[in-house]
Amino acid sequence: MSDETFSPEPPAAPIRSRTPMIVGGIAFLGGIAVTAGAIQLGARLPYGAAPTPAPVVVTPQTLPAAQQAALGGADLATLNAREAELAAKLDQLSLRVRDVDGSARVASSYATRAERMMIAFAARRAIERGQPLGPLAAQLRERFGERHAEAVDTLVRTAAEPVTIEDLRVALDTIGPRLLSAADDSLWNHARRMLGDLVVLRQADSPSPRPADRLRRARRSLEAGQVEAALAEVAHLPGVDAGGSWVAAARRYVAARQALAEVEQAAIESPAVAATPAGPAAAAPADSTGA
């Protein structure tokens, strides 16, 4: 036997003391692998993509039949009330349109009447001044020729041969001496007339029939613008035949004034305007029950 002293070997470390280290290393490596795989998978997916949630199925709840009938009746009543309200508004708008249309027609009639009056008054001014009508003749025929053709023709003829009160007064002064005696008056007739004028029986309120007094009254009537009265006095003078031209001019003057009065009256009369029909009554609200 050897003399060497064998020292006892140290006891081997137990195997169990290395197992946790091995498991930890494997877990560490696995974590690294999982992390690397997650990074690669995230790079392939679009940014911000989120998983689609699963659809949720909702089962509608069925209302009781009585509640459904009540809701349906309420909707129908609301629709009927709304329809009645809209119908009333439409009726109001229709009435407003009728009012505007009637006002426009009335304004047009007044404008037409004003235009006719201006034409008539312009014609009077031209006739009284002894001036030609000019364009007024066409306006008179257009505005008044249909219903007052004779009056318009009289005005046109008078304007072609104008005569004024001043013309009549001057002419009467000129022919006055010839009007006092007839052209074929004999000496015997002249003497009888002079003797008859010495004694005249008449009522106190009646005018004198003597020719000189008649001529004097005719002149006063002309100064007052009363051509008809002057014409009546001249017509009873013994020498009226010598004043035929004056009588014709005075008659044209009177006829022209009568025609002017007719035209002016027609201008003042308002043209007929159709009455605006009454609007329909507003629709009555529908029954709230919808019956």
Protein backbone atom coordinates (compact mmCIF):
# COMPACT_ATOMS: atom_id res chain seq x y z
CA MET A 1 0.00 0.00 0.00
CA SER A 2 1.25 3.38 -0.78
CA ASP A 3 2.28 5.73 1.80
CA GLU A 4 0.52 8.66 0.15
CA THR A 5 -2.22 10.01 2.03
CA PHE A 6 -5.28 10.33 0.00
CA SER A 7 -7.25 13.36 0.88
CA PRO A 8 -10.94 13.04 0.45
CA GLU A 9 -12.38 14.64 -2.78
CA PRO A 10 -14.70 17.57 -2.35
CA PRO A 11 -18.27 16.67 -2.77
CA ALA A 12 -19.74 17.40 -6.20
CA ALA A 13 -22.15 20.33 -6.45
CA PRO A 14 -25.65 19.19 -6.69
CA ILE A 15 -27.15 19.23 -10.20
CA ARG A 16 -30.25 20.98 -8.96
CA SER A 17 -28.29 24.15 -8.33
CA ARG A 18 -27.66 24.64 -12.15
CA THR A 19 -31.19 24.00 -13.40
CA PRO A 20 -32.63 27.48 -12.65
CA MET A 21 -29.83 29.12 -14.54
CA ILE A 22 -30.47 27.01 -17.58
CA VAL A 23 -34.20 27.70 -17.47
CA GLY A 24 -33.56 31.42 -17.07
CA GLY A 25 -31.27 31.46 -20.08
CA ILE A 26 -33.76 29.63 -22.22
CA ALA A 27 -36.54 32.04 -21.14
CA PHE A 28 -34.32 35.03 -21.91
CA LEU A 29 -33.55 33.71 -25.39
CA GLY A 30 -37.24 32.96 -25.97
CA GLY A 31 -38.20 36.49 -24.96
CA ILE A 32 -35.68 37.90 -27.42
CA ALA A 33 -37.10 35.73 -30.19
CA VAL A 34 -40.69 36.73 -29.41
CA THR A 35 -39.73 40.40 -29.37
CA ALA A 36 -37.97 40.15 -32.71
CA GLY A 37 -40.96 38.38 -34.25
CA ALA A 38 -43.37 41.02 -32.94
CA ILE A 39 -41.21 43.79 -34.41
CA GLN A 40 -41.16 42.13 -37.84
CA LEU A 41 -44.91 41.51 -37.75
CA GLY A 42 -45.61 45.17 -36.79
CA ALA A 43 -43.54 46.40 -39.73
CA ARG A 44 -45.67 44.39 -42.16
CA LEU A 45 -49.05 45.57 -40.82
CA PRO A 46 -50.40 49.13 -41.80
CA TYR A 47 -49.95 51.85 -39.22
CA GLY A 48 -52.87 52.41 -36.93
CA ALA A 49 -54.68 49.27 -38.01
CA ALA A 50 -56.97 48.01 -35.33
CA PRO A 51 -58.66 44.69 -35.10
CA THR A 52 -62.24 44.64 -36.40
CA PRO A 53 -64.67 44.16 -33.57
CA ALA A 54 -67.09 41.37 -33.86
CA PRO A 55 -70.56 42.45 -35.06
CA VAL A 56 -73.16 42.86 -32.38
CA VAL A 57 -76.56 41.50 -33.23
CA VAL A 58 -79.40 43.54 -31.73
CA THR A 59 -82.77 41.98 -31.63
CA PRO A 60 -85.53 44.65 -32.14
CA GLN A 61 -88.08 44.78 -29.44
CA THR A 62 -91.63 44.42 -30.59
CA LEU A 63 -94.03 47.02 -29.14
CA PRO A 64 -97.45 45.97 -28.04
CA ALA A 65 -100.22 46.31 -30.63
CA ALA A 66 -102.09 48.93 -28.56
CA GLN A 67 -99.00 51.13 -28.27
CA GLN A 68 -98.32 50.83 -32.02
CA ALA A 69 -101.91 51.88 -32.83
CA ALA A 70 -101.62 54.90 -30.52
CA LEU A 71 -98.37 56.03 -32.17
CA GLY A 72 -99.86 55.61 -35.67
CA GLY A 73 -102.94 57.67 -34.76
CA ALA A 74 -100.78 60.45 -33.32
CA ASP A 75 -98.68 60.66 -36.51
CA LEU A 76 -101.80 60.82 -38.70
CA ALA A 77 -103.31 63.60 -36.58
CA THR A 78 -100.06 65.58 -36.78
CA LEU A 79 -99.97 65.22 -40.56
CA ASN A 80 -103.59 66.35 -40.87
CA ALA A 81 -102.97 69.40 -38.69
CA ARG A 82 -99.88 70.29 -40.70
CA GLU A 83 -101.80 69.91 -43.95
CA ALA A 84 -104.56 72.22 -42.69
CA GLU A 85 -101.98 74.81 -41.61
CA LEU A 86 -100.29 74.75 -45.02
CA ALA A 87 -103.66 75.07 -46.78
CA ALA A 88 -104.50 78.14 -44.69
CA LYS A 89 -101.15 79.75 -45.55
CA LEU A 90 -101.71 79.05 -49.25
CA ASP A 91 -105.12 80.72 -49.05
CA GLN A 92 -103.56 83.78 -47.41
CA LEU A 93 -100.92 83.99 -50.13
CA SER A 94 -103.62 83.68 -52.79
CA LEU A 95 -105.56 86.56 -51.23
CA ARG A 96 -102.44 88.71 -51.16
CA VAL A 97 -101.77 88.00 -54.81
CA ARG A 98 -105.35 89.00 -55.67
CA ASP A 99 -104.99 92.20 -53.66
CA VAL A 100 -101.76 93.11 -55.42
CA ASP A 101 -103.30 92.37 -58.81
CA GLY A 102 -106.37 94.47 -58.00
CA SER A 103 -104.20 97.36 -56.78
CA ALA A 104 -102.15 97.23 -59.97
CA ARG A 105 -105.28 97.36 -62.11
CA VAL A 106 -106.67 100.29 -60.12
CA ALA A 107 -103.38 102.16 -60.44
CA SER A 108 -103.35 101.49 -64.17
CA SER A 109 -106.91 102.81 -64.52
CA TYR A 110 -106.02 106.00 -62.64
CA ALA A 111 -102.94 106.50 -64.81
CA THR A 112 -105.05 106.06 -67.94
CA ARG A 113 -107.62 108.56 -66.69
CA ALA A 114 -104.92 111.11 -65.85
CA GLU A 115 -103.46 110.76 -69.33
CA ARG A 116 -106.87 111.24 -70.95
CA MET A 117 -107.53 114.32 -68.84
CA MET A 118 -104.19 115.84 -69.82
CA ILE A 119 -104.99 115.34 -73.51
CA ALA A 120 -108.47 116.86 -73.14
CA PHE A 121 -107.19 119.90 -71.26
CA ALA A 122 -104.39 120.42 -73.77
CA ALA A 123 -106.97 120.35 -76.57
CA ARG A 124 -109.06 122.97 -74.75
CA ARG A 125 -106.06 125.24 -74.34
CA ALA A 126 -105.25 124.97 -78.05
CA ILE A 127 -108.87 125.64 -79.10
CA GLU A 128 -109.23 128.65 -76.80
CA ARG A 129 -105.99 130.17 -78.06
CA GLY A 130 -106.86 129.51 -81.69
CA GLN A 131 -103.84 127.25 -82.19
CA PRO A 132 -103.68 124.07 -84.31
CA LEU A 133 -103.95 120.77 -82.50
CA GLY A 134 -100.92 119.18 -84.12
CA PRO A 135 -100.09 115.80 -82.50
CA LEU A 136 -103.07 116.22 -80.18
CA ALA A 137 -105.40 115.38 -83.07
CA ALA A 138 -103.99 111.84 -83.28
CA GLN A 139 -104.12 111.49 -79.49
CA LEU A 140 -107.76 112.61 -79.44
CA ARG A 141 -108.69 110.08 -82.09
CA GLU A 142 -106.83 107.31 -80.28
CA ARG A 143 -108.25 108.03 -76.82
CA PHE A 144 -111.75 109.26 -77.63
CA GLY A 145 -112.40 108.46 -81.29
CA GLU A 146 -114.11 105.13 -80.67
CA ARG A 147 -116.99 106.43 -78.53
CA HIS A 148 -116.87 110.18 -79.24
CA ALA A 149 -115.97 110.34 -82.91
CA GLU A 150 -118.30 113.26 -83.69
CA ALA A 151 -116.90 115.40 -80.89
CA VAL A 152 -113.33 114.67 -81.99
CA ASP A 153 -114.15 115.55 -85.62
CA THR A 154 -115.69 118.84 -84.45
CA LEU A 155 -112.55 119.75 -82.54
CA VAL A 156 -110.31 118.91 -85.48
CA ARG A 157 -112.43 121.02 -87.86
CA THR A 158 -112.55 123.94 -85.43
CA ALA A 159 -108.79 123.82 -84.96
CA ALA A 160 -108.37 123.97 -88.74
CA GLU A 161 -110.43 127.22 -88.77
CA PRO A 162 -109.78 128.63 -85.29
CA VAL A 163 -112.09 131.22 -83.76
CA THR A 164 -111.77 132.97 -80.41
CA ILE A 165 -113.98 135.28 -78.37
CA GLU A 166 -111.74 138.18 -79.26
CA ASP A 167 -112.27 137.41 -82.96
CA LEU A 168 -116.05 137.38 -82.44
CA ARG A 169 -116.00 140.63 -80.47
CA VAL A 170 -113.96 142.50 -83.09
CA ALA A 171 -116.12 141.14 -85.92
CA LEU A 172 -119.34 142.13 -84.12
CA ASP A 173 -118.09 145.69 -83.66
CA THR A 174 -117.30 145.79 -87.37
CA ILE A 175 -120.65 144.52 -88.66
CA GLY A 176 -122.77 146.06 -85.89
CA PRO A 177 -124.20 148.96 -87.95
CA ARG A 178 -125.25 146.60 -90.73
CA LEU A 179 -127.05 144.37 -88.26
CA LEU A 180 -129.39 147.17 -87.18
CA SER A 181 -131.19 147.32 -90.54
CA ALA A 182 -131.93 144.84 -93.29
CA ALA A 183 -130.06 145.13 -96.58
CA ASP A 184 -133.30 145.46 -98.65
CA ASP A 185 -135.02 147.65 -96.08
CA SER A 186 -137.11 150.32 -97.82
CA LEU A 187 -137.58 153.84 -96.61
CA TRP A 188 -141.17 153.04 -95.60
CA ASN A 189 -140.14 150.00 -93.53
CA HIS A 190 -137.36 151.97 -91.92
CA ALA A 191 -139.82 154.75 -90.97
CA ARG A 192 -142.30 152.26 -89.55
CA ARG A 193 -139.59 150.64 -87.43
CA MET A 194 -138.48 154.00 -86.09
CA LEU A 195 -142.07 154.91 -85.21
CA GLY A 196 -142.55 151.52 -83.58
CA ASP A 197 -139.50 152.02 -81.41
CA LEU A 198 -140.98 155.20 -79.99
CA VAL A 199 -143.67 153.31 -78.13
CA VAL A 200 -142.86 149.76 -77.00
CA LEU A 201 -145.21 147.78 -74.80
CA ARG A 202 -143.46 145.04 -72.83
CA GLN A 203 -143.31 143.60 -69.36
CA ALA A 204 -141.01 145.27 -66.89
CA ASP A 205 -138.78 142.20 -66.49
CA SER A 206 -138.49 141.40 -70.22
CA PRO A 207 -135.54 142.75 -72.27
CA SER A 208 -136.07 145.45 -74.84
CA PRO A 209 -136.66 144.13 -78.37
CA ARG A 210 -135.18 147.19 -80.07
CA PRO A 211 -132.22 146.32 -82.35
CA ALA A 212 -129.85 148.74 -80.64
CA ASP A 213 -130.60 147.19 -77.25
CA ARG A 214 -130.16 143.69 -78.67
CA LEU A 215 -126.79 144.60 -80.15
CA ARG A 216 -125.73 146.12 -76.85
CA ARG A 217 -126.70 142.95 -74.98
CA ALA A 218 -124.85 140.82 -77.54
CA ARG A 219 -121.65 142.78 -76.91
CA ARG A 220 -122.01 142.42 -73.13
CA SER A 221 -122.55 138.69 -73.52
CA LEU A 222 -119.35 138.37 -75.56
CA GLU A 223 -117.40 140.24 -72.92
CA ALA A 224 -118.71 137.75 -70.34
CA GLY A 225 -117.76 134.80 -72.55
CA GLN A 226 -121.39 133.86 -73.24
CA VAL A 227 -121.24 133.27 -76.97
CA GLU A 228 -124.57 131.42 -77.10
CA ALA A 229 -126.42 134.37 -75.56
CA ALA A 230 -124.74 136.79 -77.97
CA LEU A 231 -125.64 134.54 -80.90
CA ALA A 232 -129.29 134.47 -79.80
CA GLU A 233 -129.41 138.28 -79.69
CA VAL A 234 -127.76 138.69 -83.10
CA ALA A 235 -130.13 136.15 -84.66
CA HIS A 236 -133.06 138.50 -83.89
CA LEU A 237 -131.51 141.61 -85.43
CA PRO A 238 -133.01 142.84 -88.72
CA GLY A 239 -129.69 142.71 -90.60
CA VAL A 240 -128.68 139.23 -89.49
CA ASP A 241 -128.26 138.20 -93.13
CA ALA A 242 -125.40 140.68 -93.40
CA GLY A 243 -123.64 138.95 -90.51
CA GLY A 244 -123.78 135.41 -91.87
CA SER A 245 -120.03 134.87 -91.49
CA TRP A 246 -120.14 136.06 -87.88
CA VAL A 247 -123.04 133.75 -87.12
CA ALA A 248 -121.21 130.77 -88.68
CA ALA A 249 -118.06 131.52 -86.67
CA ALA A 250 -120.05 131.85 -83.47
CA ARG A 251 -121.76 128.52 -84.12
CA ARG A 252 -118.39 126.82 -84.69
CA TYR A 253 -117.19 128.28 -81.42
CA VAL A 254 -120.23 126.96 -79.54
CA ALA A 255 -119.97 123.52 -81.17
CA ALA A 256 -116.28 123.31 -80.26
CA ARG A 257 -117.02 124.10 -76.60
CA GLN A 258 -119.72 121.46 -76.51
CA ALA A 259 -117.31 118.94 -78.02
CA LEU A 260 -114.66 119.90 -75.46
CA ALA A 261 -117.14 119.41 -72.63
CA GLU A 262 -118.03 115.95 -73.97
CA VAL A 263 -114.38 114.91 -74.29
CA GLU A 264 -113.50 116.24 -70.85
CA GLN A 265 -116.42 114.38 -69.30
CA ALA A 266 -115.28 111.19 -70.99
CA ALA A 267 -111.74 111.77 -69.69
CA ILE A 268 -112.91 112.29 -66.12
CA GLU A 269 -115.03 109.16 -66.10
CA SER A 270 -112.95 106.34 -64.65
CA PRO A 271 -112.55 103.28 -66.89
CA ALA A 272 -114.35 100.20 -65.64
CA VAL A 273 -112.17 98.05 -63.38
CA ALA A 274 -113.10 94.40 -62.94
CA ALA A 275 -113.94 93.59 -59.35
CA THR A 276 -111.49 91.33 -57.57
CA PRO A 277 -113.19 87.99 -56.88
CA ALA A 278 -113.48 87.04 -53.25
CA GLY A 279 -110.93 84.49 -52.13
CA PRO A 280 -111.95 81.00 -51.02
CA ALA A 281 -112.61 80.49 -47.35
CA ALA A 282 -109.73 79.09 -45.34
CA ALA A 283 -109.76 75.32 -45.07
CA ALA A 284 -111.13 74.04 -41.80
CA PRO A 285 -108.62 72.14 -39.63
CA ALA A 286 -108.83 68.40 -40.10
CA ASP A 287 -110.16 66.19 -37.35
CA SER A 288 -107.40 65.34 -34.89
CA THR A 289 -108.49 61.71 -34.89
CA GLY A 290 -107.81 61.47 -38.62
CA ALA A 291 -111.32 60.18 -39.28
